[in-house]
Amino acid sequence: MDPIAEIKRLYYAATRATIDRDLARAIDLLKTLDTEDARERAAVYMDGLSQMRSEWSVTPAPAVSGRANGPSKRPGAGLAKKQAR
């Protein structure tokens, strides 16, 4: 198979579970390209694979809510309720 077509296939088939393997394979294929024109055509897919890896490898921070963890730490928070009583 043509290396650019294989890189394109890897791009469209990539999942969170396979992205590291797919990107490594795409890099190996990129190294086989002889011309600058061919590398430029593959660059879009390489960038996309890299973006996917970056987005999928981030672990989200746990949501923190002042209400769930006790009173708010903001100065003056809750004063309106106390003054209305």
Protein backbone atom coordinates (compact mmCIF):
# COMPACT_ATOMS: atom_id res chain seq x y z
CA MET A 1 0.00 0.00 0.00
CA ASP A 2 1.10 3.58 -0.68
CA PRO A 3 2.61 5.09 2.53
CA ILE A 4 0.44 8.22 2.32
CA ALA A 5 -2.69 6.11 1.87
CA GLU A 6 -1.66 4.02 4.87
CA ILE A 7 -1.12 7.15 7.01
CA LYS A 8 -4.54 8.40 5.92
CA ARG A 9 -6.10 5.05 6.84
CA LEU A 10 -4.42 5.16 10.25
CA TYR A 11 -5.78 8.68 10.79
CA TYR A 12 -9.38 7.72 10.07
CA ALA A 13 -9.21 4.43 11.98
CA ALA A 14 -7.46 5.77 15.10
CA THR A 15 -9.17 5.33 18.44
CA ARG A 16 -8.26 6.28 21.99
CA ALA A 17 -7.01 2.71 22.50
CA THR A 18 -4.86 2.58 19.35
CA ILE A 19 -3.56 6.15 18.96
CA ASP A 20 -0.05 5.54 20.32
CA ARG A 21 0.48 2.52 18.08
CA ASP A 22 -1.09 4.29 15.07
CA LEU A 23 1.08 7.38 15.49
CA ALA A 24 4.25 5.29 15.84
CA ARG A 25 3.37 3.41 12.64
CA ALA A 26 2.61 6.68 10.83
CA ILE A 27 6.00 8.08 11.85
CA ASP A 28 7.72 4.98 10.47
CA LEU A 29 5.81 5.42 7.20
CA LEU A 30 6.65 9.13 7.06
CA LYS A 31 10.35 8.27 7.25
CA THR A 32 10.01 6.20 4.07
CA LEU A 33 8.72 9.11 1.97
CA ASP A 34 11.34 10.30 -0.50
CA THR A 35 10.07 13.69 -1.62
CA GLU A 36 9.21 16.87 0.21
CA ASP A 37 5.91 16.99 -1.69
CA ALA A 38 4.94 13.57 -0.34
CA ARG A 39 5.87 14.62 3.21
CA GLU A 40 3.75 17.76 2.90
CA ARG A 41 0.73 15.72 1.79
CA ALA A 42 1.17 13.43 4.79
CA ALA A 43 1.71 16.33 7.23
CA VAL A 44 -2.01 17.06 7.61
CA TYR A 45 -2.71 13.51 8.77
CA MET A 46 0.37 13.46 11.00
CA ASP A 47 -0.74 16.67 12.67
CA GLY A 48 -4.22 15.23 13.17
CA LEU A 49 -2.85 12.07 14.75
CA SER A 50 -0.67 14.14 17.05
CA GLN A 51 -3.65 16.29 18.08
CA MET A 52 -5.74 13.19 18.80
CA ARG A 53 -2.98 11.76 20.97
CA SER A 54 -2.71 15.03 22.89
CA GLU A 55 -6.45 15.29 23.46
CA TRP A 56 -6.95 11.65 24.37
CA SER A 57 -3.98 11.37 26.71
CA VAL A 58 -5.18 14.19 28.99
CA THR A 59 -6.92 12.97 32.10
CA PRO A 60 -9.60 15.40 33.21
CA ALA A 61 -9.28 16.97 36.63
CA PRO A 62 -12.02 16.02 39.05
CA ALA A 63 -14.83 18.54 39.24
CA VAL A 64 -14.69 20.62 42.39
CA SER A 65 -17.77 22.35 43.71
CA GLY A 66 -17.78 24.50 46.82
CA ARG A 67 -21.23 23.25 47.78
CA ALA A 68 -20.35 19.56 47.58
CA ASN A 69 -17.22 20.04 49.68
CA GLY A 70 -18.63 22.36 52.35
CA PRO A 71 -19.17 26.08 52.54
CA SER A 72 -17.84 28.37 49.86
CA LYS A 73 -14.43 29.96 50.44
CA ARG A 74 -15.46 33.21 48.74
CA PRO A 75 -15.55 36.24 51.03
CA GLY A 76 -19.12 37.29 51.67
CA ALA A 77 -20.62 34.11 50.27
CA GLY A 78 -23.96 33.40 51.87
CA LEU A 79 -24.34 36.85 53.45
CA ALA A 80 -27.48 37.59 51.45
CA LYS A 81 -29.20 34.55 52.99
CA LYS A 82 -28.12 35.46 56.52
CA GLN A 83 -29.23 39.09 56.15
CA ALA A 84 -32.67 38.07 54.79
CA ARG A 85 -33.46 36.15 58.00
